[in-house]
Amino acid sequence: MYNELLANIAILVLAGFVGFAVISKVPNTLHTPLMSGTNAIHGIVVLGALVVLGHLPGDAHWGIKIILFVALVFGTLNVVGGFVVTDRMLGMFKQRKQAPKAAEKGADA
């Protein structure tokens, strides 16, 4: 059991290092598409967590239920926050309507 836990922790740490190395090399122009892709992946993770939570047996340990619920909440917050950030990033590229100038208003009156 402890060997499996140690192996899982090692995989988690290595995945963190690989993820950091990959993300740090992404150019700024690709952050929005990358964010959209990760939001889709996290949406699948949240859906999978809902399925697992729904299929837990009634006599499952309460600690497992709490950990699964917390993971579900954090995954949902990540998806929602990612979409908010993506929307704000895409909003930076929209053309803004120019307000009429004061001089043009005075000339028309």
C-alpha atoms as a PDB file:
ATOM      1  CA  MET A   1       0.000   0.000   0.000  1.00  0.00           C
ATOM      2  CA  TYR A   2       2.778   2.452   0.886  1.00  0.00           C
ATOM      3  CA  ASN A   3       4.647   1.597  -2.313  1.00  0.00           C
ATOM      4  CA  GLU A   4       1.553   2.525  -4.334  1.00  0.00           C
ATOM      5  CA  LEU A   5       1.174   5.794  -2.416  1.00  0.00           C
ATOM      6  CA  LEU A   6       4.828   6.646  -2.955  1.00  0.00           C
ATOM      7  CA  ALA A   7       4.547   5.838  -6.667  1.00  0.00           C
ATOM      8  CA  ASN A   8       1.430   8.023  -6.991  1.00  0.00           C
ATOM      9  CA  ILE A   9       3.130  10.932  -5.193  1.00  0.00           C
ATOM     10  CA  ALA A  10       6.171  10.578  -7.464  1.00  0.00           C
ATOM     11  CA  ILE A  11       3.930  10.646 -10.543  1.00  0.00           C
ATOM     12  CA  LEU A  12       2.128  13.731  -9.216  1.00  0.00           C
ATOM     13  CA  VAL A  13       5.411  15.585  -8.604  1.00  0.00           C
ATOM     14  CA  LEU A  14       6.826  14.628 -11.993  1.00  0.00           C
ATOM     15  CA  ALA A  15       3.584  15.655 -13.718  1.00  0.00           C
ATOM     16  CA  GLY A  16       3.838  19.022 -11.992  1.00  0.00           C
ATOM     17  CA  PHE A  17       7.380  19.553 -13.259  1.00  0.00           C
ATOM     18  CA  VAL A  18       6.472  18.473 -16.796  1.00  0.00           C
ATOM     19  CA  GLY A  19       3.365  20.674 -16.780  1.00  0.00           C
ATOM     20  CA  PHE A  20       5.372  23.693 -15.644  1.00  0.00           C
ATOM     21  CA  ALA A  21       8.018  23.061 -18.287  1.00  0.00           C
ATOM     22  CA  VAL A  22       5.418  22.783 -21.045  1.00  0.00           C
ATOM     23  CA  ILE A  23       3.325  25.788 -20.010  1.00  0.00           C
ATOM     24  CA  SER A  24       6.329  28.066 -19.498  1.00  0.00           C
ATOM     25  CA  LYS A  25       7.337  27.602 -23.139  1.00  0.00           C
ATOM     26  CA  VAL A  26       3.925  28.592 -24.573  1.00  0.00           C
ATOM     27  CA  PRO A  27       3.982  31.988 -26.339  1.00  0.00           C
ATOM     28  CA  ASN A  28       1.567  34.650 -25.086  1.00  0.00           C
ATOM     29  CA  THR A  29      -0.492  34.515 -28.281  1.00  0.00           C
ATOM     30  CA  LEU A  30      -1.425  30.883 -27.594  1.00  0.00           C
ATOM     31  CA  HIS A  31      -2.586  31.277 -23.996  1.00  0.00           C
ATOM     32  CA  THR A  32      -6.255  31.835 -24.901  1.00  0.00           C
ATOM     33  CA  PRO A  33      -6.608  28.713 -27.090  1.00  0.00           C
ATOM     34  CA  LEU A  34      -4.671  26.701 -24.516  1.00  0.00           C
ATOM     35  CA  MET A  35      -6.961  27.953 -21.749  1.00  0.00           C
ATOM     36  CA  SER A  36     -10.025  26.943 -23.781  1.00  0.00           C
ATOM     37  CA  GLY A  37      -8.604  23.467 -24.312  1.00  0.00           C
ATOM     38  CA  THR A  38      -7.840  22.981 -20.634  1.00  0.00           C
ATOM     39  CA  ASN A  39     -11.339  24.170 -19.756  1.00  0.00           C
ATOM     40  CA  ALA A  40     -12.775  21.436 -21.952  1.00  0.00           C
ATOM     41  CA  ILE A  41     -10.547  18.847 -20.274  1.00  0.00           C
ATOM     42  CA  HIS A  42     -11.510  20.059 -16.804  1.00  0.00           C
ATOM     43  CA  GLY A  43     -15.169  19.921 -17.801  1.00  0.00           C
ATOM     44  CA  ILE A  44     -14.699  16.226 -18.571  1.00  0.00           C
ATOM     45  CA  VAL A  45     -12.956  15.766 -15.215  1.00  0.00           C
ATOM     46  CA  VAL A  46     -15.884  17.407 -13.397  1.00  0.00           C
ATOM     47  CA  LEU A  47     -18.333  15.189 -15.263  1.00  0.00           C
ATOM     48  CA  GLY A  48     -16.287  12.111 -14.329  1.00  0.00           C
ATOM     49  CA  ALA A  49     -16.236  13.215 -10.673  1.00  0.00           C
ATOM     50  CA  LEU A  50     -20.021  13.546 -10.729  1.00  0.00           C
ATOM     51  CA  VAL A  51     -20.355  10.027 -12.147  1.00  0.00           C
ATOM     52  CA  VAL A  52     -18.005   8.584  -9.507  1.00  0.00           C
ATOM     53  CA  LEU A  53     -19.806  10.459  -6.721  1.00  0.00           C
ATOM     54  CA  GLY A  54     -23.141   9.141  -7.967  1.00  0.00           C
ATOM     55  CA  HIS A  55     -21.911   5.538  -8.113  1.00  0.00           C
ATOM     56  CA  LEU A  56     -20.328   5.409  -4.665  1.00  0.00           C
ATOM     57  CA  PRO A  57     -21.849   2.720  -2.497  1.00  0.00           C
ATOM     58  CA  GLY A  58     -23.870   3.930   0.466  1.00  0.00           C
ATOM     59  CA  ASP A  59     -21.399   2.459   2.936  1.00  0.00           C
ATOM     60  CA  ALA A  60     -18.382   4.287   1.421  1.00  0.00           C
ATOM     61  CA  HIS A  61     -16.080   5.966   3.925  1.00  0.00           C
ATOM     62  CA  TRP A  62     -17.066   9.571   4.680  1.00  0.00           C
ATOM     63  CA  GLY A  63     -13.486  10.738   4.056  1.00  0.00           C
ATOM     64  CA  ILE A  64     -13.667   9.546   0.459  1.00  0.00           C
ATOM     65  CA  LYS A  65     -16.932  11.397  -0.044  1.00  0.00           C
ATOM     66  CA  ILE A  66     -15.493  14.619   1.385  1.00  0.00           C
ATOM     67  CA  ILE A  67     -12.317  14.435  -0.719  1.00  0.00           C
ATOM     68  CA  LEU A  68     -14.363  13.724  -3.849  1.00  0.00           C
ATOM     69  CA  PHE A  69     -16.723  16.613  -3.108  1.00  0.00           C
ATOM     70  CA  VAL A  70     -13.847  19.047  -2.493  1.00  0.00           C
ATOM     71  CA  ALA A  71     -12.192  17.926  -5.745  1.00  0.00           C
ATOM     72  CA  LEU A  72     -15.493  18.446  -7.549  1.00  0.00           C
ATOM     73  CA  VAL A  73     -15.847  21.965  -6.128  1.00  0.00           C
ATOM     74  CA  PHE A  74     -12.249  22.906  -7.029  1.00  0.00           C
ATOM     75  CA  GLY A  75     -12.648  21.464 -10.527  1.00  0.00           C
ATOM     76  CA  THR A  76     -15.851  23.433 -11.040  1.00  0.00           C
ATOM     77  CA  LEU A  77     -14.203  26.646  -9.804  1.00  0.00           C
ATOM     78  CA  ASN A  78     -11.321  26.014 -12.191  1.00  0.00           C
ATOM     79  CA  VAL A  79     -13.660  25.578 -15.166  1.00  0.00           C
ATOM     80  CA  VAL A  80     -15.721  28.664 -14.345  1.00  0.00           C
ATOM     81  CA  GLY A  81     -12.658  30.784 -13.612  1.00  0.00           C
ATOM     82  CA  GLY A  82     -11.009  29.621 -16.818  1.00  0.00           C
ATOM     83  CA  PHE A  83     -14.006  30.654 -18.887  1.00  0.00           C
ATOM     84  CA  VAL A  84     -14.116  34.055 -17.153  1.00  0.00           C
ATOM     85  CA  VAL A  85     -10.430  34.662 -17.859  1.00  0.00           C
ATOM     86  CA  THR A  86     -10.802  33.466 -21.458  1.00  0.00           C
ATOM     87  CA  ASP A  87     -13.763  35.803 -21.969  1.00  0.00           C
ATOM     88  CA  ARG A  88     -11.777  38.747 -20.597  1.00  0.00           C
ATOM     89  CA  MET A  89      -8.808  37.891 -22.834  1.00  0.00           C
ATOM     90  CA  LEU A  90     -10.997  37.670 -25.916  1.00  0.00           C
ATOM     91  CA  GLY A  91     -12.637  40.967 -24.931  1.00  0.00           C
ATOM     92  CA  MET A  92      -9.263  42.672 -25.309  1.00  0.00           C
ATOM     93  CA  PHE A  93      -9.335  41.939 -29.038  1.00  0.00           C
ATOM     94  CA  LYS A  94     -12.803  43.399 -29.702  1.00  0.00           C
ATOM     95  CA  GLN A  95     -13.072  46.759 -31.397  1.00  0.00           C
ATOM     96  CA  ARG A  96     -14.423  49.454 -29.119  1.00  0.00           C
ATOM     97  CA  LYS A  97     -16.991  51.885 -30.438  1.00  0.00           C
ATOM     98  CA  GLN A  98     -15.660  55.406 -30.414  1.00  0.00           C
ATOM     99  CA  ALA A  99     -17.744  57.967 -28.569  1.00  0.00           C
ATOM    100  CA  PRO A 100     -18.723  61.061 -30.588  1.00  0.00           C
ATOM    101  CA  LYS A 101     -16.305  63.904 -30.065  1.00  0.00           C
ATOM    102  CA  ALA A 102     -17.422  67.015 -28.202  1.00  0.00           C
ATOM    103  CA  ALA A 103     -16.493  69.237 -31.161  1.00  0.00           C
ATOM    104  CA  GLU A 104     -18.780  67.306 -33.496  1.00  0.00           C
ATOM    105  CA  LYS A 105     -21.653  67.598 -31.010  1.00  0.00           C
ATOM    106  CA  GLY A 106     -21.262  71.378 -30.799  1.00  0.00           C
ATOM    107  CA  ALA A 107     -21.182  71.792 -34.586  1.00  0.00           C
ATOM    108  CA  ASP A 108     -24.411  69.819 -35.079  1.00  0.00           C
ATOM    109  CA  ALA A 109     -26.430  71.834 -32.539  1.00  0.00           C
END
